[in-house]
C-alpha atoms as a PDB file:
ATOM      1  CA  MET A   1      87.616  91.100 115.019  1.00  0.00           C
ATOM      2  CA  LYS A   2      91.196  92.272 115.331  1.00  0.00           C
ATOM      3  CA  GLN A   3      93.592  94.605 113.512  1.00  0.00           C
ATOM      4  CA  ILE A   4      97.154  94.165 112.264  1.00  0.00           C
ATOM      5  CA  LYS A   5      99.575  97.042 111.630  1.00  0.00           C
ATOM      6  CA  GLN A   6     103.016  96.500 110.159  1.00  0.00           C
ATOM      7  CA  LYS A   7     105.626  98.883 108.752  1.00  0.00           C
ATOM      8  CA  TYR A   8     108.309  98.018 106.195  1.00  0.00           C
ATOM      9  CA  ALA A   9     111.276 100.065 104.974  1.00  0.00           C
ATOM     10  CA  ILE A  10     112.019  98.896 101.432  1.00  0.00           C
ATOM     11  CA  LYS A  11     115.192 100.031  99.660  1.00  0.00           C
ATOM     12  CA  SER A  12     113.429 100.632  96.362  1.00  0.00           C
ATOM     13  CA  PRO A  13     111.620 103.636  94.789  1.00  0.00           C
ATOM     14  CA  VAL A  14     107.927 104.137  95.517  1.00  0.00           C
ATOM     15  CA  GLU A  15     107.036 103.507  91.865  1.00  0.00           C
ATOM     16  CA  ILE A  16     108.694 100.071  91.934  1.00  0.00           C
ATOM     17  CA  VAL A  17     107.072  99.102  95.249  1.00  0.00           C
ATOM     18  CA  TRP A  18     103.713 100.171  93.816  1.00  0.00           C
ATOM     19  CA  GLN A  19     104.200  97.880  90.824  1.00  0.00           C
ATOM     20  CA  ALA A  20     104.958  94.984  93.196  1.00  0.00           C
ATOM     21  CA  LEU A  21     101.513  95.516  94.743  1.00  0.00           C
ATOM     22  CA  VAL A  22      99.442  95.954  91.560  1.00  0.00           C
ATOM     23  CA  ASN A  23     101.225  94.382  88.562  1.00  0.00           C
ATOM     24  CA  PRO A  24     100.448  90.644  88.238  1.00  0.00           C
ATOM     25  CA  GLU A  25     103.767  89.951  86.490  1.00  0.00           C
ATOM     26  CA  VAL A  26     105.729  91.468  89.373  1.00  0.00           C
ATOM     27  CA  ILE A  27     103.461  89.872  91.997  1.00  0.00           C
ATOM     28  CA  GLU A  28     104.229  86.473  90.509  1.00  0.00           C
ATOM     29  CA  LYS A  29     107.992  87.174  90.654  1.00  0.00           C
ATOM     30  CA  TRP A  30     107.966  87.741  94.435  1.00  0.00           C
ATOM     31  CA  GLY A  31     105.714  84.752  95.030  1.00  0.00           C
ATOM     32  CA  GLY A  32     102.078  85.926  95.212  1.00  0.00           C
ATOM     33  CA  GLY A  33     100.974  84.264  91.986  1.00  0.00           C
ATOM     34  CA  PRO A  34      99.186  83.171  90.047  1.00  0.00           C
ATOM     35  CA  ALA A  35      97.708  86.659  90.368  1.00  0.00           C
ATOM     36  CA  LYS A  36      94.947  88.684  88.768  1.00  0.00           C
ATOM     37  CA  MET A  37      95.125  92.393  89.514  1.00  0.00           C
ATOM     38  CA  ARG A  38      94.388  95.767  87.941  1.00  0.00           C
ATOM     39  CA  ALA A  39      95.182  99.059  89.679  1.00  0.00           C
ATOM     40  CA  LYS A  40      91.653 100.388  89.452  1.00  0.00           C
ATOM     41  CA  ALA A  41      88.958 100.912  92.101  1.00  0.00           C
ATOM     42  CA  GLY A  42      86.115  98.432  91.794  1.00  0.00           C
ATOM     43  CA  GLU A  43      88.282  95.777  90.126  1.00  0.00           C
ATOM     44  CA  LYS A  44      88.341  92.254  91.527  1.00  0.00           C
ATOM     45  CA  PHE A  45      91.689  90.604  92.290  1.00  0.00           C
ATOM     46  CA  SER A  46      93.038  87.231  93.304  1.00  0.00           C
ATOM     47  CA  LEU A  47      96.399  86.101  94.653  1.00  0.00           C
ATOM     48  CA  TRP A  48      97.942  82.652  95.094  1.00  0.00           C
ATOM     49  CA  GLY A  49      95.591  81.250  92.480  1.00  0.00           C
ATOM     50  CA  GLY A  50      92.486  82.447  94.319  1.00  0.00           C
ATOM     51  CA  ASP A  51      93.404  81.560  97.916  1.00  0.00           C
ATOM     52  CA  ILE A  52      93.123  85.305  98.633  1.00  0.00           C
ATOM     53  CA  TYR A  53      90.634  87.333  96.616  1.00  0.00           C
ATOM     54  CA  GLY A  54      88.574  90.493  96.794  1.00  0.00           C
ATOM     55  CA  LYS A  55      88.081  93.928  95.336  1.00  0.00           C
ATOM     56  CA  ASN A  56      90.083  97.155  95.143  1.00  0.00           C
ATOM     57  CA  THR A  57      88.026  99.793  96.956  1.00  0.00           C
ATOM     58  CA  ARG A  58      90.374 102.762  96.577  1.00  0.00           C
ATOM     59  CA  VAL A  59      93.406 103.253  94.364  1.00  0.00           C
ATOM     60  CA  LEU A  60      95.644 106.322  94.653  1.00  0.00           C
ATOM     61  CA  GLU A  61      98.480 105.503  92.287  1.00  0.00           C
ATOM     62  CA  GLY A  62     101.831 105.281  94.035  1.00  0.00           C
ATOM     63  CA  LYS A  63     100.309 106.265  97.383  1.00  0.00           C
ATOM     64  CA  GLU A  64      97.511 104.041  98.649  1.00  0.00           C
ATOM     65  CA  LEU A  65      95.771 100.782  97.801  1.00  0.00           C
ATOM     66  CA  ASP A  66      92.653  99.809  99.783  1.00  0.00           C
ATOM     67  CA  GLN A  67      91.142  96.367  99.325  1.00  0.00           C
ATOM     68  CA  ASP A  68      88.353  94.131 100.597  1.00  0.00           C
ATOM     69  CA  TRP A  69      90.062  90.779 101.288  1.00  0.00           C
ATOM     70  CA  TYR A  70      88.528  87.352 101.533  1.00  0.00           C
ATOM     71  CA  GLN A  71      90.030  84.032 102.450  1.00  0.00           C
ATOM     72  CA  LYS A  72      88.177  80.836 101.681  1.00  0.00           C
ATOM     73  CA  GLY A  73      85.490  80.345 104.301  1.00  0.00           C
ATOM     74  CA  TRP A  74      85.121  84.030 105.232  1.00  0.00           C
ATOM     75  CA  LYS A  75      81.598  85.397 104.862  1.00  0.00           C
ATOM     76  CA  LYS A  76      82.643  89.025 105.352  1.00  0.00           C
ATOM     77  CA  PRO A  77      85.745  90.733 103.985  1.00  0.00           C
ATOM     78  CA  SER A  78      88.614  92.078 105.998  1.00  0.00           C
ATOM     79  CA  LYS A  79      89.937  95.507 105.002  1.00  0.00           C
ATOM     80  CA  VAL A  80      93.538  95.895 103.836  1.00  0.00           C
ATOM     81  CA  VAL A  81      95.234  99.254 103.288  1.00  0.00           C
ATOM     82  CA  PHE A  82      98.741  99.696 101.888  1.00  0.00           C
ATOM     83  CA  LYS A  83     100.155 103.233 102.209  1.00  0.00           C
ATOM     84  CA  LEU A  84     103.414 104.156 100.502  1.00  0.00           C
ATOM     85  CA  SER A  85     105.668 107.142 101.139  1.00  0.00           C
ATOM     86  CA  LYS A  86     109.213 108.118 100.280  1.00  0.00           C
ATOM     87  CA  LYS A  87     111.497 108.258 103.326  1.00  0.00           C
ATOM     88  CA  GLY A  88     115.071 109.222 102.464  1.00  0.00           C
ATOM     89  CA  ASN A  89     116.546 106.492 100.257  1.00  0.00           C
ATOM     90  CA  HIS A  90     113.726 103.987 100.805  1.00  0.00           C
ATOM     91  CA  THR A  91     109.975 103.534 100.582  1.00  0.00           C
ATOM     92  CA  GLU A  92     107.981 103.172 103.755  1.00  0.00           C
ATOM     93  CA  LEU A  93     105.082 100.758 103.365  1.00  0.00           C
ATOM     94  CA  LEU A  94     102.471 100.873 106.092  1.00  0.00           C
ATOM     95  CA  LEU A  95     100.042  97.947 106.194  1.00  0.00           C
ATOM     96  CA  THR A  96      96.774  98.116 108.086  1.00  0.00           C
ATOM     97  CA  HIS A  97      94.620  94.980 108.051  1.00  0.00           C
ATOM     98  CA  LYS A  98      91.253  95.417 109.825  1.00  0.00           C
ATOM     99  CA  ASN A  99      88.438  93.012 110.644  1.00  0.00           C
ATOM    100  CA  VAL A 100      90.706  89.991 110.962  1.00  0.00           C
ATOM    101  CA  PRO A 101      88.844  87.086 112.566  1.00  0.00           C
ATOM    102  CA  ASP A 102      90.179  86.544 116.097  1.00  0.00           C
ATOM    103  CA  GLN A 103      91.115  82.907 115.475  1.00  0.00           C
ATOM    104  CA  ASP A 104      93.179  83.878 112.387  1.00  0.00           C
ATOM    105  CA  LEU A 105      95.072  86.856 113.838  1.00  0.00           C
ATOM    106  CA  VAL A 106      98.414  85.194 114.641  1.00  0.00           C
ATOM    107  CA  ASP A 107      98.570  83.201 111.399  1.00  0.00           C
ATOM    108  CA  ILE A 108      97.693  86.209 109.251  1.00  0.00           C
ATOM    109  CA  ALA A 109     100.126  88.542 111.029  1.00  0.00           C
ATOM    110  CA  GLU A 110     102.920  86.018 110.437  1.00  0.00           C
ATOM    111  CA  GLY A 111     101.692  85.395 106.900  1.00  0.00           C
ATOM    112  CA  TRP A 112     102.229  89.046 105.991  1.00  0.00           C
ATOM    113  CA  LYS A 113     105.864  88.725 107.065  1.00  0.00           C
ATOM    114  CA  GLU A 114     106.588  85.258 105.665  1.00  0.00           C
ATOM    115  CA  TYR A 115     104.545  85.098 102.467  1.00  0.00           C
ATOM    116  CA  TYR A 116     103.599  88.591 101.329  1.00  0.00           C
ATOM    117  CA  LEU A 117     105.448  91.731 102.395  1.00  0.00           C
ATOM    118  CA  GLY A 118     108.616  89.951 103.536  1.00  0.00           C
ATOM    119  CA  PRO A 119     109.140  88.250 100.145  1.00  0.00           C
ATOM    120  CA  LEU A 120     108.059  91.422  98.297  1.00  0.00           C
ATOM    121  CA  LYS A 121     110.686  93.445 100.181  1.00  0.00           C
ATOM    122  CA  GLU A 122     113.365  90.804  99.661  1.00  0.00           C
ATOM    123  CA  TYR A 123     112.639  90.519  95.934  1.00  0.00           C
ATOM    124  CA  LEU A 124     112.673  94.283  95.375  1.00  0.00           C
ATOM    125  CA  GLU A 125     115.857  94.839  97.375  1.00  0.00           C
ATOM    126  CA  ASP A 126     117.632  91.957  95.587  1.00  0.00           C
ATOM    127  CA  THR A 127     116.449  93.289  92.215  1.00  0.00           C
ATOM    128  CA  SER A 128     117.549  96.844  93.122  1.00  0.00           C
ATOM    129  CA  ALA A 129     120.982  95.612  94.164  1.00  0.00           C
ATOM    130  CA  ALA A 130     121.380  93.830  90.834  1.00  0.00           C
ATOM    131  CA  ARG A 131     120.835  97.071  88.853  1.00  0.00           C
END
């Protein structure tokens, strides 16, 4: 099992970035839908219509979201942690994804950039610029 770490600087307030991680309406706007999500520990979630699913294990509003993640075919979850912090005029988002199956490492690392955090960042920065 492998680990992925990625860092993103998003030109948007922490509160808005948080909503993009936990609010199904916002998740669907940046491309992670259909989504089911509630910002509460113990709650189950699904993204991309159930292609990714799991459970929130820790929720510190506006600061940290820890999740057990499953992909179809996985018997054990991987562990995903999103940490948010204000850095000057942007939000720093630190992703840690642990227990990634070896054969999926490259695809999942690229998937974070191409399908999840990359589009989230782009959507939020485009939306912020429009305000």
